[in-house]
């Protein structure tokens, strides 16, 4: 997503809301003040990709937590 929006990954990890300004010809521009005509179809694709990745990370986290709990039980 950072590559597509041409912004650093850190910018997407900030806790402030992300607003995308599509007013220049060089691609999307992330800012805190303007939100102009971001294509709904593209936003939907970003949302789907984000949700799929988030779900995969949740599953990985659950597996890691299960492994940690098993290790604690075997050592305890």
PDB file of N, CA and C in Angstrom:
ATOM      1  N   UNK A   1       0.831  -1.178   0.000  1.00  0.00           N
ATOM      2  CA  UNK A   1       0.000   0.000   0.000  1.00  0.00           C
ATOM      3  C   UNK A   1       0.883   1.251   0.000  1.00  0.00           C
ATOM      4  N   UNK A   2       1.958   1.206   0.786  1.00  0.00           N
ATOM      5  CA  UNK A   2       2.862   2.354   0.836  1.00  0.00           C
ATOM      6  C   UNK A   2       3.465   2.633  -0.537  1.00  0.00           C
ATOM      7  N   UNK A   3       3.826   1.576  -1.257  1.00  0.00           N
ATOM      8  CA  UNK A   3       4.382   1.757  -2.603  1.00  0.00           C
ATOM      9  C   UNK A   3       3.365   2.386  -3.546  1.00  0.00           C
ATOM     10  N   UNK A   4       2.146   1.913  -3.481  1.00  0.00           N
ATOM     11  CA  UNK A   4       1.093   2.424  -4.359  1.00  0.00           C
ATOM     12  C   UNK A   4       0.823   3.900  -4.068  1.00  0.00           C
ATOM     13  N   UNK A   5       0.818   4.252  -2.776  1.00  0.00           N
ATOM     14  CA  UNK A   5       0.537   5.632  -2.386  1.00  0.00           C
ATOM     15  C   UNK A   5       1.782   6.514  -2.426  1.00  0.00           C
ATOM     16  N   UNK A   6       2.934   5.877  -2.643  1.00  0.00           N
ATOM     17  CA  UNK A   6       4.198   6.601  -2.720  1.00  0.00           C
ATOM     18  C   UNK A   6       4.487   7.367  -1.428  1.00  0.00           C
ATOM     19  N   UNK A   7       4.311   6.654  -0.284  1.00  0.00           N
ATOM     20  CA  UNK A   7       4.597   7.231   1.029  1.00  0.00           C
ATOM     21  C   UNK A   7       5.418   6.219   1.828  1.00  0.00           C
ATOM     22  N   UNK A   8       6.152   6.678   2.849  1.00  0.00           N
ATOM     23  CA  UNK A   8       6.877   5.739   3.699  1.00  0.00           C
ATOM     24  C   UNK A   8       5.907   4.865   4.494  1.00  0.00           C
ATOM     25  N   UNK A   9       6.305   3.630   4.770  1.00  0.00           N
ATOM     26  CA  UNK A   9       5.468   2.716   5.549  1.00  0.00           C
ATOM     27  C   UNK A   9       5.119   3.345   6.894  1.00  0.00           C
ATOM     28  N   UNK A  10       6.067   4.042   7.500  1.00  0.00           N
ATOM     29  CA  UNK A  10       5.831   4.678   8.796  1.00  0.00           C
ATOM     30  C   UNK A  10       4.633   5.615   8.764  1.00  0.00           C
ATOM     31  N   UNK A  11       4.424   6.261   7.624  1.00  0.00           N
ATOM     32  CA  UNK A  11       3.291   7.182   7.483  1.00  0.00           C
ATOM     33  C   UNK A  11       1.972   6.438   7.644  1.00  0.00           C
ATOM     34  N   UNK A  12       1.914   5.203   7.170  1.00  0.00           N
ATOM     35  CA  UNK A  12       0.686   4.412   7.267  1.00  0.00           C
ATOM     36  C   UNK A  12       0.491   3.821   8.658  1.00  0.00           C
ATOM     37  N   UNK A  13       1.549   3.762   9.443  1.00  0.00           N
ATOM     38  CA  UNK A  13       1.460   3.189  10.779  1.00  0.00           C
ATOM     39  C   UNK A  13       1.141   4.209  11.861  1.00  0.00           C
ATOM     40  N   UNK A  14       1.060   5.473  11.510  1.00  0.00           N
ATOM     41  CA  UNK A  14       0.725   6.514  12.478  1.00  0.00           C
ATOM     42  C   UNK A  14      -0.705   6.332  12.970  1.00  0.00           C
ATOM     43  N   UNK A  15      -0.978   6.857  14.149  1.00  0.00           N
ATOM     44  CA  UNK A  15      -2.314   6.708  14.726  1.00  0.00           C
ATOM     45  C   UNK A  15      -3.290   7.771  14.248  1.00  0.00           C
ATOM     46  N   UNK A  16      -2.793   8.862  13.633  1.00  0.00           N
ATOM     47  CA  UNK A  16      -3.700   9.874  13.120  1.00  0.00           C
ATOM     48  C   UNK A  16      -4.425   9.335  11.885  1.00  0.00           C
ATOM     49  N   UNK A  17      -5.609   9.846  11.592  1.00  0.00           N
ATOM     50  CA  UNK A  17      -6.322   9.402  10.388  1.00  0.00           C
ATOM     51  C   UNK A  17      -5.495   9.695   9.134  1.00  0.00           C
ATOM     52  N   UNK A  18      -5.586   8.802   8.169  1.00  0.00           N
ATOM     53  CA  UNK A  18      -4.903   8.991   6.895  1.00  0.00           C
ATOM     54  C   UNK A  18      -5.884   9.608   5.918  1.00  0.00           C
ATOM     55  N   UNK A  19      -5.497  10.718   5.324  1.00  0.00           N
ATOM     56  CA  UNK A  19      -6.321  11.391   4.326  1.00  0.00           C
ATOM     57  C   UNK A  19      -5.526  11.412   3.042  1.00  0.00           C
ATOM     58  N   UNK A  20      -6.126  11.035   1.947  1.00  0.00           N
ATOM     59  CA  UNK A  20      -5.425  10.946   0.677  1.00  0.00           C
ATOM     60  C   UNK A  20      -5.886  12.067  -0.236  1.00  0.00           C
ATOM     61  N   UNK A  21      -4.929  12.835  -0.723  1.00  0.00           N
ATOM     62  CA  UNK A  21      -5.197  13.969  -1.584  1.00  0.00           C
ATOM     63  C   UNK A  21      -4.816  13.577  -3.006  1.00  0.00           C
ATOM     64  N   UNK A  22      -5.776  13.567  -3.910  1.00  0.00           N
ATOM     65  CA  UNK A  22      -5.537  13.153  -5.293  1.00  0.00           C
ATOM     66  C   UNK A  22      -5.494  14.365  -6.230  1.00  0.00           C
ATOM     67  N   UNK A  23      -4.945  15.472  -5.775  1.00  0.00           N
ATOM     68  CA  UNK A  23      -5.007  16.684  -6.581  1.00  0.00           C
ATOM     69  C   UNK A  23      -3.814  16.882  -7.506  1.00  0.00           C
ATOM     70  N   UNK A  24      -2.732  16.108  -7.353  1.00  0.00           N
ATOM     71  CA  UNK A  24      -1.587  16.322  -8.235  1.00  0.00           C
ATOM     72  C   UNK A  24      -1.487  15.202  -9.265  1.00  0.00           C
ATOM     73  N   UNK A  25      -0.677  15.410 -10.269  1.00  0.00           N
ATOM     74  CA  UNK A  25      -0.569  14.433 -11.353  1.00  0.00           C
ATOM     75  C   UNK A  25       0.496  13.378 -11.083  1.00  0.00           C
ATOM     76  N   UNK A  26       1.148  13.444  -9.934  1.00  0.00           N
ATOM     77  CA  UNK A  26       2.233  12.515  -9.618  1.00  0.00           C
ATOM     78  C   UNK A  26       1.771  11.361  -8.756  1.00  0.00           C
ATOM     79  N   UNK A  27       0.497  11.151  -8.617  1.00  0.00           N
ATOM     80  CA  UNK A  27      -0.021  10.055  -7.811  1.00  0.00           C
ATOM     81  C   UNK A  27      -0.576  10.565  -6.496  1.00  0.00           C
ATOM     82  N   UNK A  28      -1.077   9.650  -5.661  1.00  0.00           N
ATOM     83  CA  UNK A  28      -1.687  10.040  -4.396  1.00  0.00           C
ATOM     84  C   UNK A  28      -0.682  10.707  -3.468  1.00  0.00           C
ATOM     85  N   UNK A  29      -1.203  11.542  -2.604  1.00  0.00           N
ATOM     86  CA  UNK A  29      -0.382  12.290  -1.674  1.00  0.00           C
ATOM     87  C   UNK A  29      -1.080  12.234  -0.318  1.00  0.00           C
ATOM     88  N   UNK A  30      -0.409  11.740   0.706  1.00  0.00           N
ATOM     89  CA  UNK A  30      -1.031  11.634   2.020  1.00  0.00           C
ATOM     90  C   UNK A  30      -0.819  12.932   2.778  1.00  0.00           C
ATOM     91  N   UNK A  31      -1.900  13.456   3.323  1.00  0.00           N
ATOM     92  CA  UNK A  31      -1.798  14.684   4.111  1.00  0.00           C
ATOM     93  C   UNK A  31      -2.834  14.654   5.215  1.00  0.00           C
ATOM     94  N   UNK A  32      -2.796  15.649   6.062  1.00  0.00           N
ATOM     95  CA  UNK A  32      -3.746  15.690   7.163  1.00  0.00           C
ATOM     96  C   UNK A  32      -4.902  16.651   6.945  1.00  0.00           C
ATOM     97  N   UNK A  33      -4.986  17.288   5.788  1.00  0.00           N
ATOM     98  CA  UNK A  33      -5.977  18.342   5.643  1.00  0.00           C
ATOM     99  C   UNK A  33      -6.981  18.160   4.523  1.00  0.00           C
ATOM    100  N   UNK A  34      -6.597  17.558   3.413  1.00  0.00           N
ATOM    101  CA  UNK A  34      -7.487  17.507   2.256  1.00  0.00           C
ATOM    102  C   UNK A  34      -7.882  16.077   1.902  1.00  0.00           C
ATOM    103  N   UNK A  35      -9.067  15.935   1.355  1.00  0.00           N
ATOM    104  CA  UNK A  35      -9.518  14.637   0.873  1.00  0.00           C
ATOM    105  C   UNK A  35     -10.328  14.890  -0.389  1.00  0.00           C
ATOM    106  N   UNK A  36      -9.715  14.647  -1.567  1.00  0.00           N
ATOM    107  CA  UNK A  36     -10.360  14.991  -2.819  1.00  0.00           C
ATOM    108  C   UNK A  36     -10.539  13.773  -3.719  1.00  0.00           C
ATOM    109  N   UNK A  37     -11.756  13.358  -3.935  1.00  0.00           N
ATOM    110  CA  UNK A  37     -12.116  12.412  -4.981  1.00  0.00           C
ATOM    111  C   UNK A  37     -11.249  11.153  -5.039  1.00  0.00           C
ATOM    112  N   UNK A  38     -11.010  10.522  -3.913  1.00  0.00           N
ATOM    113  CA  UNK A  38     -10.279   9.257  -3.933  1.00  0.00           C
ATOM    114  C   UNK A  38     -11.212   8.198  -4.498  1.00  0.00           C
ATOM    115  N   UNK A  39     -10.808   7.492  -5.552  1.00  0.00           N
ATOM    116  CA  UNK A  39     -11.702   6.524  -6.206  1.00  0.00           C
ATOM    117  C   UNK A  39     -12.198   5.451  -5.230  1.00  0.00           C
ATOM    118  N   UNK A  40     -13.495   5.308  -5.132  1.00  0.00           N
ATOM    119  CA  UNK A  40     -14.105   4.354  -4.220  1.00  0.00           C
ATOM    120  C   UNK A  40     -13.664   2.934  -4.527  1.00  0.00           C
ATOM    121  N   UNK A  41     -13.546   2.595  -5.802  1.00  0.00           N
ATOM    122  CA  UNK A  41     -13.119   1.253  -6.194  1.00  0.00           C
ATOM    123  C   UNK A  41     -11.721   0.943  -5.662  1.00  0.00           C
ATOM    124  N   UNK A  42     -10.814   1.897  -5.767  1.00  0.00           N
ATOM    125  CA  UNK A  42      -9.459   1.706  -5.280  1.00  0.00           C
ATOM    126  C   UNK A  42      -9.444   1.600  -3.763  1.00  0.00           C
ATOM    127  N   UNK A  43     -10.231   2.419  -3.103  1.00  0.00           N
ATOM    128  CA  UNK A  43     -10.330   2.360  -1.650  1.00  0.00           C
ATOM    129  C   UNK A  43     -10.858   0.992  -1.213  1.00  0.00           C
ATOM    130  N   UNK A  44     -11.834   0.461  -1.941  1.00  0.00           N
ATOM    131  CA  UNK A  44     -12.366  -0.868  -1.640  1.00  0.00           C
ATOM    132  C   UNK A  44     -11.300  -1.938  -1.769  1.00  0.00           C
ATOM    133  N   UNK A  45     -10.455  -1.843  -2.798  1.00  0.00           N
ATOM    134  CA  UNK A  45      -9.372  -2.810  -2.975  1.00  0.00           C
ATOM    135  C   UNK A  45      -8.368  -2.716  -1.831  1.00  0.00           C
ATOM    136  N   UNK A  46      -8.024  -1.491  -1.433  1.00  0.00           N
ATOM    137  CA  UNK A  46      -7.113  -1.303  -0.306  1.00  0.00           C
ATOM    138  C   UNK A  46      -7.704  -1.923   0.954  1.00  0.00           C
ATOM    139  N   UNK A  47      -8.990  -1.678   1.160  1.00  0.00           N
ATOM    140  CA  UNK A  47      -9.655  -2.197   2.350  1.00  0.00           C
ATOM    141  C   UNK A  47      -9.653  -3.715   2.353  1.00  0.00           C
ATOM    142  N   UNK A  48      -9.963  -4.332   1.223  1.00  0.00           N
ATOM    143  CA  UNK A  48      -9.951  -5.798   1.124  1.00  0.00           C
ATOM    144  C   UNK A  48      -8.560  -6.356   1.408  1.00  0.00           C
ATOM    145  N   UNK A  49      -7.542  -5.749   0.822  1.00  0.00           N
ATOM    146  CA  UNK A  49      -6.176  -6.212   1.039  1.00  0.00           C
ATOM    147  C   UNK A  49      -5.766  -6.043   2.501  1.00  0.00           C
ATOM    148  N   UNK A  50      -6.120  -4.917   3.078  1.00  0.00           N
ATOM    149  CA  UNK A  50      -5.793  -4.669   4.476  1.00  0.00           C
ATOM    150  C   UNK A  50      -6.482  -5.689   5.375  1.00  0.00           C
ATOM    151  N   UNK A  51      -7.761  -5.929   5.151  1.00  0.00           N
ATOM    152  CA  UNK A  51      -8.499  -6.870   5.981  1.00  0.00           C
ATOM    153  C   UNK A  51      -7.955  -8.283   5.844  1.00  0.00           C
ATOM    154  N   UNK A  52      -7.588  -8.691   4.629  1.00  0.00           N
ATOM    155  CA  UNK A  52      -7.015 -10.026   4.427  1.00  0.00           C
ATOM    156  C   UNK A  52      -5.685 -10.151   5.158  1.00  0.00           C
ATOM    157  N   UNK A  53      -4.855  -9.139   5.048  1.00  0.00           N
ATOM    158  CA  UNK A  53      -3.554  -9.164   5.736  1.00  0.00           C
ATOM    159  C   UNK A  53      -3.741  -9.145   7.242  1.00  0.00           C
ATOM    160  N   UNK A  54      -4.661  -8.338   7.722  1.00  0.00           N
ATOM    161  CA  UNK A  54      -4.942  -8.251   9.152  1.00  0.00           C
ATOM    162  C   UNK A  54      -5.409  -9.603   9.688  1.00  0.00           C
ATOM    163  N   UNK A  55      -6.299 -10.262   8.964  1.00  0.00           N
ATOM    164  CA  UNK A  55      -6.789 -11.579   9.368  1.00  0.00           C
ATOM    165  C   UNK A  55      -5.645 -12.593   9.410  1.00  0.00           C
ATOM    166  N   UNK A  56      -4.775 -12.566   8.406  1.00  0.00           N
ATOM    167  CA  UNK A  56      -3.624 -13.477   8.386  1.00  0.00           C
ATOM    168  C   UNK A  56      -2.707 -13.217   9.584  1.00  0.00           C
ATOM    169  N   UNK A  57      -2.493 -11.960   9.906  1.00  0.00           N
ATOM    170  CA  UNK A  57      -1.644 -11.624  11.052  1.00  0.00           C
ATOM    171  C   UNK A  57      -2.291 -12.045  12.369  1.00  0.00           C
ATOM    172  N   UNK A  58      -3.601 -11.915  12.457  1.00  0.00           N
ATOM    173  CA  UNK A  58      -4.301 -12.380  13.661  1.00  0.00           C
ATOM    174  C   UNK A  58      -4.125 -13.882  13.842  1.00  0.00           C
ATOM    175  N   UNK A  59      -4.248 -14.633  12.755  1.00  0.00           N
ATOM    176  CA  UNK A  59      -4.068 -16.086  12.823  1.00  0.00           C
ATOM    177  C   UNK A  59      -2.646 -16.449  13.236  1.00  0.00           C
ATOM    178  N   UNK A  60      -1.678 -15.755  12.666  1.00  0.00           N
ATOM    179  CA  UNK A  60      -0.285 -16.003  13.039  1.00  0.00           C
ATOM    180  C   UNK A  60      -0.068 -15.706  14.516  1.00  0.00           C
ATOM    181  N   UNK A  61      -0.621 -14.611  14.971  1.00  0.00           N
ATOM    182  CA  UNK A  61      -0.498 -14.242  16.377  1.00  0.00           C
ATOM    183  C   UNK A  61      -1.105 -15.322  17.279  1.00  0.00           C
ATOM    184  N   UNK A  62      -2.264 -15.832  16.917  1.00  0.00           N
ATOM    185  CA  UNK A  62      -2.905 -16.891  17.701  1.00  0.00           C
ATOM    186  C   UNK A  62      -2.030 -18.137  17.760  1.00  0.00           C
ATOM    187  N   UNK A  63      -1.431 -18.506  16.620  1.00  0.00           N
ATOM    188  CA  UNK A  63      -0.548 -19.679  16.597  1.00  0.00           C
ATOM    189  C   UNK A  63       0.671 -19.463  17.485  1.00  0.00           C
ATOM    190  N   UNK A  64       1.260 -18.277  17.407  1.00  0.00           N
ATOM    191  CA  UNK A  64       2.422 -17.984  18.247  1.00  0.00           C
ATOM    192  C   UNK A  64       2.057 -18.014  19.726  1.00  0.00           C
ATOM    193  N   UNK A  65       0.912 -17.465  20.063  1.00  0.00           N
ATOM    194  CA  UNK A  65       0.480 -17.469  21.459  1.00  0.00           C
ATOM    195  C   UNK A  65       0.246 -18.891  21.943  1.00  0.00           C
ATOM    196  N   UNK A  66      -0.338 -19.746  21.101  1.00  0.00           N
ATOM    197  CA  UNK A  66      -0.534 -21.149  21.459  1.00  0.00           C
ATOM    198  C   UNK A  66       0.803 -21.840  21.697  1.00  0.00           C
ATOM    199  N   UNK A  67       1.772 -21.582  20.821  1.00  0.00           N
ATOM    200  CA  UNK A  67       3.094 -22.195  20.980  1.00  0.00           C
ATOM    201  C   UNK A  67       3.761 -21.718  22.265  1.00  0.00           C
ATOM    202  N   UNK A  68       3.642 -20.441  22.564  1.00  0.00           N
ATOM    203  CA  UNK A  68       4.237 -19.900  23.788  1.00  0.00           C
ATOM    204  C   UNK A  68       3.593 -20.535  25.018  1.00  0.00           C
ATOM    205  N   UNK A  69       2.264 -20.640  25.001  1.00  0.00           N
ATOM    206  CA  UNK A  69       1.564 -21.260  26.126  1.00  0.00           C
ATOM    207  C   UNK A  69       1.989 -22.714  26.318  1.00  0.00           C
ATOM    208  N   UNK A  70       2.162 -23.463  25.245  1.00  0.00           N
ATOM    209  CA  UNK A  70       2.612 -24.850  25.327  1.00  0.00           C
ATOM    210  C   UNK A  70       4.025 -24.937  25.884  1.00  0.00           C
ATOM    211  N   UNK A  71       4.885 -24.039  25.436  1.00  0.00           N
ATOM    212  CA  UNK A  71       6.249 -24.011  25.967  1.00  0.00           C
ATOM    213  C   UNK A  71       6.278 -23.703  27.457  1.00  0.00           C
ATOM    214  N   UNK A  72       5.451 -22.756  27.878  1.00  0.00           N
ATOM    215  CA  UNK A  72       5.381 -22.405  29.299  1.00  0.00           C
ATOM    216  C   UNK A  72       4.911 -23.600  30.103  1.00  0.00           C
ATOM    217  N   UNK A  73       3.908 -24.315  29.619  1.00  0.00           N
ATOM    218  CA  UNK A  73       3.371 -25.471  30.337  1.00  0.00           C
ATOM    219  C   UNK A  73       4.408 -26.595  30.430  1.00  0.00           C
ATOM    220  N   UNK A  74       5.176 -26.827  29.368  1.00  0.00           N
ATOM    221  CA  UNK A  74       6.166 -27.902  29.389  1.00  0.00           C
ATOM    222  C   UNK A  74       7.362 -27.547  30.277  1.00  0.00           C
ATOM    223  N   UNK A  75       7.681 -26.265  30.406  1.00  0.00           N
ATOM    224  CA  UNK A  75       8.811 -25.823  31.245  1.00  0.00           C
ATOM    225  C   UNK A  75       8.387 -25.694  32.708  1.00  0.00           C
ATOM    226  N   UNK A  76       7.073 -25.513  32.950  1.00  0.00           N
ATOM    227  CA  UNK A  76       6.575 -25.239  34.297  1.00  0.00           C
ATOM    228  C   UNK A  76       6.320 -26.472  35.036  1.00  0.00           C
TER     229      UNK A  76
END
